[in-house]
């Protein structure tokens, strides 16, 4: 049997650097560029490119088809335990009931630590892109629920990139927006990621500790989302309350 391969003096540092790059891709989300990784890690660009090329060659990372950035590859999925995000029957029945109350899209997301993931996107309507949602949470109602929980939302937002003329790109304006989300228990975005689409989202909290565990969102035409929508918001809150004991 082959014994362990001894590490030279430089190899531990190289291994740590590669792990830092992998961690940064996970944190930033699909589409992060070599330049962004280099700046975030304060790593020389030549070193960053060398590590990225190695991780791509070993299939831990992949280049996106349009060459805009990087995402996790096939082998990276083997570094973590499989996620158990399937809804139980009772929770799925609640979400399906909500979908029966409206012609708009209904999406359910979960929050684990500082990560957000769609666990039940509406099968009959377009869902937010998971990579964009993770990387630009400020432009989505579900993302704003997560940011409003943070002591400093800037730790989760690398840049305030405009997607439409309506996108909030001012730190002070986003501060005010997130304070309103925390105060009202309601997040709203109107045409900030796509001109023609908006979204309402309410938090789902653990019954015992009040911790944010999920978010229930309703997506529809921008002009309709911008309306007061008091009745539909009440229906959204009611279904979120029903889901709380089923998701905690």
C-alpha atoms as a PDB file:
ATOM      1  CA  UNK A   1       0.000   0.000   0.000  1.00  0.00           C
ATOM      2  CA  UNK A   2       1.330   3.421  -0.892  1.00  0.00           C
ATOM      3  CA  UNK A   3       2.211   5.542   2.125  1.00  0.00           C
ATOM      4  CA  UNK A   4       1.200   9.177   2.632  1.00  0.00           C
ATOM      5  CA  UNK A   5       2.789  11.677   0.280  1.00  0.00           C
ATOM      6  CA  UNK A   6       5.033  14.070   2.217  1.00  0.00           C
ATOM      7  CA  UNK A   7       4.268  17.747   1.811  1.00  0.00           C
ATOM      8  CA  UNK A   8       6.992  20.165   0.900  1.00  0.00           C
ATOM      9  CA  UNK A   9       7.316  23.514   2.617  1.00  0.00           C
ATOM     10  CA  UNK A  10       5.190  25.374   0.066  1.00  0.00           C
ATOM     11  CA  UNK A  11       2.453  22.806  -0.446  1.00  0.00           C
ATOM     12  CA  UNK A  12       0.394  23.494   2.713  1.00  0.00           C
ATOM     13  CA  UNK A  13       0.125  27.160   1.726  1.00  0.00           C
ATOM     14  CA  UNK A  14      -0.912  26.196  -1.795  1.00  0.00           C
ATOM     15  CA  UNK A  15      -3.586  23.849  -0.430  1.00  0.00           C
ATOM     16  CA  UNK A  16      -4.914  26.579   1.850  1.00  0.00           C
ATOM     17  CA  UNK A  17      -5.015  29.030  -1.055  1.00  0.00           C
ATOM     18  CA  UNK A  18      -6.978  26.573  -3.202  1.00  0.00           C
ATOM     19  CA  UNK A  19      -9.454  26.007  -0.360  1.00  0.00           C
ATOM     20  CA  UNK A  20      -9.862  29.757   0.081  1.00  0.00           C
ATOM     21  CA  UNK A  21     -10.647  30.101  -3.631  1.00  0.00           C
ATOM     22  CA  UNK A  22     -13.236  27.318  -3.439  1.00  0.00           C
ATOM     23  CA  UNK A  23     -14.799  28.921  -0.385  1.00  0.00           C
ATOM     24  CA  UNK A  24     -14.954  32.266  -2.181  1.00  0.00           C
ATOM     25  CA  UNK A  25     -16.780  30.744  -5.161  1.00  0.00           C
ATOM     26  CA  UNK A  26     -19.309  29.193  -2.786  1.00  0.00           C
ATOM     27  CA  UNK A  27     -19.771  32.491  -0.957  1.00  0.00           C
ATOM     28  CA  UNK A  28     -19.977  34.712  -4.042  1.00  0.00           C
ATOM     29  CA  UNK A  29     -22.120  32.347  -6.089  1.00  0.00           C
ATOM     30  CA  UNK A  30     -22.005  31.281  -9.749  1.00  0.00           C
ATOM     31  CA  UNK A  31     -20.520  33.857 -12.091  1.00  0.00           C
ATOM     32  CA  UNK A  32     -17.862  35.235  -9.758  1.00  0.00           C
ATOM     33  CA  UNK A  33     -14.857  36.372 -11.781  1.00  0.00           C
ATOM     34  CA  UNK A  34     -11.149  35.805 -11.266  1.00  0.00           C
ATOM     35  CA  UNK A  35     -10.692  39.516 -10.622  1.00  0.00           C
ATOM     36  CA  UNK A  36     -13.384  39.528  -7.930  1.00  0.00           C
ATOM     37  CA  UNK A  37     -11.840  36.480  -6.250  1.00  0.00           C
ATOM     38  CA  UNK A  38      -8.392  38.044  -6.368  1.00  0.00           C
ATOM     39  CA  UNK A  39      -9.624  41.307  -4.835  1.00  0.00           C
ATOM     40  CA  UNK A  40     -11.714  39.642  -2.146  1.00  0.00           C
ATOM     41  CA  UNK A  41      -8.883  37.363  -1.016  1.00  0.00           C
ATOM     42  CA  UNK A  42      -6.129  39.945  -1.523  1.00  0.00           C
ATOM     43  CA  UNK A  43      -4.424  37.307  -3.651  1.00  0.00           C
ATOM     44  CA  UNK A  44      -2.157  38.143  -6.615  1.00  0.00           C
ATOM     45  CA  UNK A  45      -4.017  37.757  -9.887  1.00  0.00           C
ATOM     46  CA  UNK A  46      -1.382  35.413 -11.296  1.00  0.00           C
ATOM     47  CA  UNK A  47      -1.809  33.101  -8.292  1.00  0.00           C
ATOM     48  CA  UNK A  48      -5.600  33.305  -8.549  1.00  0.00           C
ATOM     49  CA  UNK A  49      -5.589  32.372 -12.236  1.00  0.00           C
ATOM     50  CA  UNK A  50      -3.183  29.502 -11.629  1.00  0.00           C
ATOM     51  CA  UNK A  51      -5.379  28.059  -8.860  1.00  0.00           C
ATOM     52  CA  UNK A  52      -8.562  28.553 -10.870  1.00  0.00           C
ATOM     53  CA  UNK A  53      -7.081  26.755 -13.886  1.00  0.00           C
ATOM     54  CA  UNK A  54      -6.035  23.865 -11.660  1.00  0.00           C
ATOM     55  CA  UNK A  55      -9.470  23.611 -10.008  1.00  0.00           C
ATOM     56  CA  UNK A  56     -11.154  23.691 -13.421  1.00  0.00           C
ATOM     57  CA  UNK A  57      -8.829  20.984 -14.733  1.00  0.00           C
ATOM     58  CA  UNK A  58      -9.657  18.811 -11.702  1.00  0.00           C
ATOM     59  CA  UNK A  59     -13.429  19.520 -12.154  1.00  0.00           C
ATOM     60  CA  UNK A  60     -13.863  21.231  -8.781  1.00  0.00           C
ATOM     61  CA  UNK A  61     -14.832  24.372 -10.717  1.00  0.00           C
ATOM     62  CA  UNK A  62     -16.254  25.032 -14.165  1.00  0.00           C
ATOM     63  CA  UNK A  63     -16.129  28.076 -16.395  1.00  0.00           C
ATOM     64  CA  UNK A  64     -19.583  29.342 -17.279  1.00  0.00           C
ATOM     65  CA  UNK A  65     -20.512  28.862 -20.951  1.00  0.00           C
ATOM     66  CA  UNK A  66     -20.320  32.581 -21.685  1.00  0.00           C
ATOM     67  CA  UNK A  67     -16.893  32.758 -19.956  1.00  0.00           C
ATOM     68  CA  UNK A  68     -18.276  35.399 -17.563  1.00  0.00           C
ATOM     69  CA  UNK A  69     -17.030  33.642 -14.449  1.00  0.00           C
ATOM     70  CA  UNK A  70     -16.797  30.419 -12.464  1.00  0.00           C
ATOM     71  CA  UNK A  71     -19.117  28.032 -10.645  1.00  0.00           C
ATOM     72  CA  UNK A  72     -18.749  24.854  -8.636  1.00  0.00           C
ATOM     73  CA  UNK A  73     -17.998  21.746 -10.668  1.00  0.00           C
ATOM     74  CA  UNK A  74     -18.972  18.095 -10.467  1.00  0.00           C
ATOM     75  CA  UNK A  75     -16.347  17.031  -7.940  1.00  0.00           C
ATOM     76  CA  UNK A  76     -17.083  19.921  -5.582  1.00  0.00           C
ATOM     77  CA  UNK A  77     -20.488  18.399  -4.897  1.00  0.00           C
ATOM     78  CA  UNK A  78     -18.782  15.429  -3.277  1.00  0.00           C
ATOM     79  CA  UNK A  79     -17.243  17.663  -0.582  1.00  0.00           C
ATOM     80  CA  UNK A  80     -20.549  18.145   1.232  1.00  0.00           C
ATOM     81  CA  UNK A  81     -23.288  15.892   2.560  1.00  0.00           C
ATOM     82  CA  UNK A  82     -26.390  15.725   0.362  1.00  0.00           C
ATOM     83  CA  UNK A  83     -28.885  18.444   1.221  1.00  0.00           C
ATOM     84  CA  UNK A  84     -32.214  17.325   2.654  1.00  0.00           C
ATOM     85  CA  UNK A  85     -34.488  20.067   1.417  1.00  0.00           C
ATOM     86  CA  UNK A  86     -37.511  18.027   0.318  1.00  0.00           C
ATOM     87  CA  UNK A  87     -40.762  19.360   1.748  1.00  0.00           C
ATOM     88  CA  UNK A  88     -42.866  17.128   3.911  1.00  0.00           C
ATOM     89  CA  UNK A  89     -46.382  16.349   2.720  1.00  0.00           C
ATOM     90  CA  UNK A  90     -48.077  18.794   5.065  1.00  0.00           C
ATOM     91  CA  UNK A  91     -45.848  21.722   4.049  1.00  0.00           C
ATOM     92  CA  UNK A  92     -46.286  20.972   0.368  1.00  0.00           C
ATOM     93  CA  UNK A  93     -50.059  20.949   0.831  1.00  0.00           C
ATOM     94  CA  UNK A  94     -49.916  24.437   2.362  1.00  0.00           C
ATOM     95  CA  UNK A  95     -47.820  25.799  -0.518  1.00  0.00           C
ATOM     96  CA  UNK A  96     -50.075  24.159  -3.099  1.00  0.00           C
ATOM     97  CA  UNK A  97     -53.113  25.656  -1.376  1.00  0.00           C
ATOM     98  CA  UNK A  98     -51.520  29.104  -1.632  1.00  0.00           C
ATOM     99  CA  UNK A  99     -50.909  28.539  -5.339  1.00  0.00           C
ATOM    100  CA  UNK A 100     -54.570  27.711  -5.721  1.00  0.00           C
ATOM    101  CA  UNK A 101     -55.502  31.108  -4.276  1.00  0.00           C
ATOM    102  CA  UNK A 102     -53.712  33.162  -6.923  1.00  0.00           C
ATOM    103  CA  UNK A 103     -52.660  33.146 -10.551  1.00  0.00           C
ATOM    104  CA  UNK A 104     -49.256  34.535  -9.575  1.00  0.00           C
ATOM    105  CA  UNK A 105     -46.132  32.506  -8.912  1.00  0.00           C
ATOM    106  CA  UNK A 106     -45.548  31.212  -5.382  1.00  0.00           C
ATOM    107  CA  UNK A 107     -41.987  30.291  -4.344  1.00  0.00           C
ATOM    108  CA  UNK A 108     -40.658  28.911  -1.063  1.00  0.00           C
ATOM    109  CA  UNK A 109     -37.043  29.478   0.011  1.00  0.00           C
ATOM    110  CA  UNK A 110     -35.073  28.275   3.022  1.00  0.00           C
ATOM    111  CA  UNK A 111     -32.306  30.032   4.957  1.00  0.00           C
ATOM    112  CA  UNK A 112     -29.416  28.156   6.526  1.00  0.00           C
ATOM    113  CA  UNK A 113     -26.873  30.449   8.130  1.00  0.00           C
ATOM    114  CA  UNK A 114     -26.157  33.105   5.517  1.00  0.00           C
ATOM    115  CA  UNK A 115     -27.255  30.936   2.585  1.00  0.00           C
ATOM    116  CA  UNK A 116     -30.543  31.089   0.713  1.00  0.00           C
ATOM    117  CA  UNK A 117     -31.938  28.341  -1.486  1.00  0.00           C
ATOM    118  CA  UNK A 118     -35.214  27.729  -3.300  1.00  0.00           C
ATOM    119  CA  UNK A 119     -36.724  24.543  -1.924  1.00  0.00           C
ATOM    120  CA  UNK A 120     -40.049  24.722  -3.771  1.00  0.00           C
ATOM    121  CA  UNK A 121     -40.073  26.994  -6.830  1.00  0.00           C
ATOM    122  CA  UNK A 122     -43.427  27.283  -8.550  1.00  0.00           C
ATOM    123  CA  UNK A 123     -43.469  24.621 -11.293  1.00  0.00           C
ATOM    124  CA  UNK A 124     -45.868  26.640 -13.447  1.00  0.00           C
ATOM    125  CA  UNK A 125     -44.000  29.953 -13.446  1.00  0.00           C
ATOM    126  CA  UNK A 126     -40.405  31.129 -13.983  1.00  0.00           C
ATOM    127  CA  UNK A 127     -38.408  31.003 -10.749  1.00  0.00           C
ATOM    128  CA  UNK A 128     -35.540  33.284  -9.722  1.00  0.00           C
ATOM    129  CA  UNK A 129     -32.146  32.055 -10.875  1.00  0.00           C
ATOM    130  CA  UNK A 130     -30.536  30.382  -7.861  1.00  0.00           C
ATOM    131  CA  UNK A 131     -27.089  31.771  -8.623  1.00  0.00           C
ATOM    132  CA  UNK A 132     -28.338  35.330  -9.089  1.00  0.00           C
ATOM    133  CA  UNK A 133     -30.455  35.092  -5.943  1.00  0.00           C
ATOM    134  CA  UNK A 134     -27.434  34.003  -3.909  1.00  0.00           C
ATOM    135  CA  UNK A 135     -25.100  36.591  -5.399  1.00  0.00           C
ATOM    136  CA  UNK A 136     -27.417  39.612  -5.589  1.00  0.00           C
ATOM    137  CA  UNK A 137     -29.912  39.133  -2.743  1.00  0.00           C
ATOM    138  CA  UNK A 138     -30.643  42.865  -2.483  1.00  0.00           C
ATOM    139  CA  UNK A 139     -32.475  42.740  -5.847  1.00  0.00           C
ATOM    140  CA  UNK A 140     -34.950  40.060  -4.719  1.00  0.00           C
ATOM    141  CA  UNK A 141     -37.669  40.169  -2.064  1.00  0.00           C
ATOM    142  CA  UNK A 142     -36.567  36.779  -0.702  1.00  0.00           C
ATOM    143  CA  UNK A 143     -32.994  38.037  -0.523  1.00  0.00           C
ATOM    144  CA  UNK A 144     -34.053  41.160   1.352  1.00  0.00           C
ATOM    145  CA  UNK A 145     -35.613  39.021   4.066  1.00  0.00           C
ATOM    146  CA  UNK A 146     -32.178  37.490   4.653  1.00  0.00           C
ATOM    147  CA  UNK A 147     -30.323  40.815   4.518  1.00  0.00           C
ATOM    148  CA  UNK A 148     -32.746  42.420   6.976  1.00  0.00           C
ATOM    149  CA  UNK A 149     -31.733  39.809   9.563  1.00  0.00           C
ATOM    150  CA  UNK A 150     -28.041  40.692   9.423  1.00  0.00           C
ATOM    151  CA  UNK A 151     -26.213  42.981  11.820  1.00  0.00           C
ATOM    152  CA  UNK A 152     -24.483  44.369   8.725  1.00  0.00           C
ATOM    153  CA  UNK A 153     -25.949  43.395   5.367  1.00  0.00           C
ATOM    154  CA  UNK A 154     -22.738  44.532   3.626  1.00  0.00           C
ATOM    155  CA  UNK A 155     -21.086  41.282   4.703  1.00  0.00           C
ATOM    156  CA  UNK A 156     -23.355  39.454   2.233  1.00  0.00           C
ATOM    157  CA  UNK A 157     -23.381  41.975  -0.617  1.00  0.00           C
ATOM    158  CA  UNK A 158     -20.244  42.446  -2.700  1.00  0.00           C
ATOM    159  CA  UNK A 159     -21.583  45.112  -5.013  1.00  0.00           C
ATOM    160  CA  UNK A 160     -24.835  46.937  -5.669  1.00  0.00           C
ATOM    161  CA  UNK A 161     -25.122  46.227  -9.360  1.00  0.00           C
ATOM    162  CA  UNK A 162     -28.008  47.808 -11.283  1.00  0.00           C
ATOM    163  CA  UNK A 163     -30.130  45.386 -13.311  1.00  0.00           C
ATOM    164  CA  UNK A 164     -32.841  47.870 -14.263  1.00  0.00           C
ATOM    165  CA  UNK A 165     -33.385  51.586 -13.785  1.00  0.00           C
ATOM    166  CA  UNK A 166     -35.327  50.719 -10.612  1.00  0.00           C
ATOM    167  CA  UNK A 167     -32.646  48.662  -8.866  1.00  0.00           C
ATOM    168  CA  UNK A 168     -31.640  50.052  -5.479  1.00  0.00           C
ATOM    169  CA  UNK A 169     -27.906  50.761  -5.745  1.00  0.00           C
ATOM    170  CA  UNK A 170     -27.506  53.335  -2.966  1.00  0.00           C
ATOM    171  CA  UNK A 171     -26.287  51.973   0.379  1.00  0.00           C
ATOM    172  CA  UNK A 172     -28.333  54.520   2.312  1.00  0.00           C
ATOM    173  CA  UNK A 173     -31.487  53.691   0.349  1.00  0.00           C
ATOM    174  CA  UNK A 174     -30.951  49.955   0.826  1.00  0.00           C
ATOM    175  CA  UNK A 175     -30.410  50.600   4.547  1.00  0.00           C
ATOM    176  CA  UNK A 176     -33.811  52.288   4.733  1.00  0.00           C
ATOM    177  CA  UNK A 177     -35.423  49.544   2.663  1.00  0.00           C
ATOM    178  CA  UNK A 178     -34.083  46.762   4.889  1.00  0.00           C
ATOM    179  CA  UNK A 179     -35.107  48.565   8.074  1.00  0.00           C
ATOM    180  CA  UNK A 180     -38.638  48.740   6.670  1.00  0.00           C
ATOM    181  CA  UNK A 181     -38.495  45.002   5.869  1.00  0.00           C
ATOM    182  CA  UNK A 182     -37.473  44.228   9.454  1.00  0.00           C
ATOM    183  CA  UNK A 183     -40.145  46.541  10.850  1.00  0.00           C
ATOM    184  CA  UNK A 184     -43.032  45.409   8.647  1.00  0.00           C
ATOM    185  CA  UNK A 185     -42.162  41.731   8.176  1.00  0.00           C
ATOM    186  CA  UNK A 186     -42.663  42.242   4.441  1.00  0.00           C
ATOM    187  CA  UNK A 187     -40.217  42.580   1.561  1.00  0.00           C
ATOM    188  CA  UNK A 188     -41.207  44.033  -1.783  1.00  0.00           C
ATOM    189  CA  UNK A 189     -39.312  44.669  -5.008  1.00  0.00           C
ATOM    190  CA  UNK A 190     -40.891  46.143  -8.096  1.00  0.00           C
ATOM    191  CA  UNK A 191     -39.044  45.677 -11.366  1.00  0.00           C
ATOM    192  CA  UNK A 192     -35.575  45.798  -9.814  1.00  0.00           C
ATOM    193  CA  UNK A 193     -34.218  42.600 -11.366  1.00  0.00           C
ATOM    194  CA  UNK A 194     -36.565  42.390 -14.353  1.00  0.00           C
ATOM    195  CA  UNK A 195     -38.547  45.412 -15.497  1.00  0.00           C
ATOM    196  CA  UNK A 196     -41.748  43.417 -15.923  1.00  0.00           C
ATOM    197  CA  UNK A 197     -41.653  41.357 -12.710  1.00  0.00           C
ATOM    198  CA  UNK A 198     -41.929  42.119  -9.021  1.00  0.00           C
ATOM    199  CA  UNK A 199     -42.190  40.146  -5.816  1.00  0.00           C
ATOM    200  CA  UNK A 200     -43.630  40.189  -2.300  1.00  0.00           C
ATOM    201  CA  UNK A 201     -42.126  37.995   0.424  1.00  0.00           C
ATOM    202  CA  UNK A 202     -42.850  37.357   4.088  1.00  0.00           C
ATOM    203  CA  UNK A 203     -40.618  35.593   6.629  1.00  0.00           C
ATOM    204  CA  UNK A 204     -41.298  32.206   8.154  1.00  0.00           C
ATOM    205  CA  UNK A 205     -39.849  31.946  11.663  1.00  0.00           C
ATOM    206  CA  UNK A 206     -39.262  29.084  14.037  1.00  0.00           C
ATOM    207  CA  UNK A 207     -42.094  28.991  16.618  1.00  0.00           C
ATOM    208  CA  UNK A 208     -39.687  28.509  19.528  1.00  0.00           C
ATOM    209  CA  UNK A 209     -36.833  30.916  18.875  1.00  0.00           C
ATOM    210  CA  UNK A 210     -38.181  33.263  16.199  1.00  0.00           C
ATOM    211  CA  UNK A 211     -35.251  32.421  13.933  1.00  0.00           C
ATOM    212  CA  UNK A 212     -35.699  33.062  10.204  1.00  0.00           C
ATOM    213  CA  UNK A 213     -35.969  29.621   8.616  1.00  0.00           C
ATOM    214  CA  UNK A 214     -37.755  30.274   5.320  1.00  0.00           C
ATOM    215  CA  UNK A 215     -39.488  32.835   3.139  1.00  0.00           C
ATOM    216  CA  UNK A 216     -42.717  32.631   1.177  1.00  0.00           C
ATOM    217  CA  UNK A 217     -42.839  34.765  -1.952  1.00  0.00           C
ATOM    218  CA  UNK A 218     -45.450  35.823  -4.451  1.00  0.00           C
ATOM    219  CA  UNK A 219     -44.190  37.019  -7.842  1.00  0.00           C
ATOM    220  CA  UNK A 220     -46.179  38.796 -10.524  1.00  0.00           C
ATOM    221  CA  UNK A 221     -46.358  41.782 -12.876  1.00  0.00           C
ATOM    222  CA  UNK A 222     -44.529  44.848 -11.574  1.00  0.00           C
ATOM    223  CA  UNK A 223     -47.568  47.120 -11.745  1.00  0.00           C
ATOM    224  CA  UNK A 224     -49.612  44.687  -9.656  1.00  0.00           C
ATOM    225  CA  UNK A 225     -46.891  44.123  -7.071  1.00  0.00           C
ATOM    226  CA  UNK A 226     -46.606  47.890  -6.594  1.00  0.00           C
ATOM    227  CA  UNK A 227     -50.253  48.101  -5.491  1.00  0.00           C
ATOM    228  CA  UNK A 228     -51.124  47.941  -1.741  1.00  0.00           C
ATOM    229  CA  UNK A 229     -52.314  44.324  -2.132  1.00  0.00           C
ATOM    230  CA  UNK A 230     -53.518  44.207   1.478  1.00  0.00           C
ATOM    231  CA  UNK A 231     -55.739  41.161   0.950  1.00  0.00           C
ATOM    232  CA  UNK A 232     -53.129  39.072  -0.869  1.00  0.00           C
ATOM    233  CA  UNK A 233     -50.467  40.033   1.693  1.00  0.00           C
ATOM    234  CA  UNK A 234     -52.782  38.807   4.443  1.00  0.00           C
ATOM    235  CA  UNK A 235     -53.211  35.498   2.577  1.00  0.00           C
ATOM    236  CA  UNK A 236     -49.423  35.294   2.201  1.00  0.00           C
ATOM    237  CA  UNK A 237     -48.908  35.893   5.943  1.00  0.00           C
ATOM    238  CA  UNK A 238     -51.584  33.330   6.830  1.00  0.00           C
ATOM    239  CA  UNK A 239     -49.902  30.605   4.786  1.00  0.00           C
ATOM    240  CA  UNK A 240     -46.481  31.531   6.188  1.00  0.00           C
ATOM    241  CA  UNK A 241     -47.893  31.107   9.693  1.00  0.00           C
ATOM    242  CA  UNK A 242     -49.226  27.666   8.731  1.00  0.00           C
ATOM    243  CA  UNK A 243     -45.810  26.681   7.381  1.00  0.00           C
ATOM    244  CA  UNK A 244     -43.837  27.810  10.430  1.00  0.00           C
ATOM    245  CA  UNK A 245     -44.382  24.697  12.618  1.00  0.00           C
ATOM    246  CA  UNK A 246     -43.873  22.444   9.581  1.00  0.00           C
ATOM    247  CA  UNK A 247     -40.461  23.835   8.600  1.00  0.00           C
ATOM    248  CA  UNK A 248     -38.821  24.566  11.972  1.00  0.00           C
END
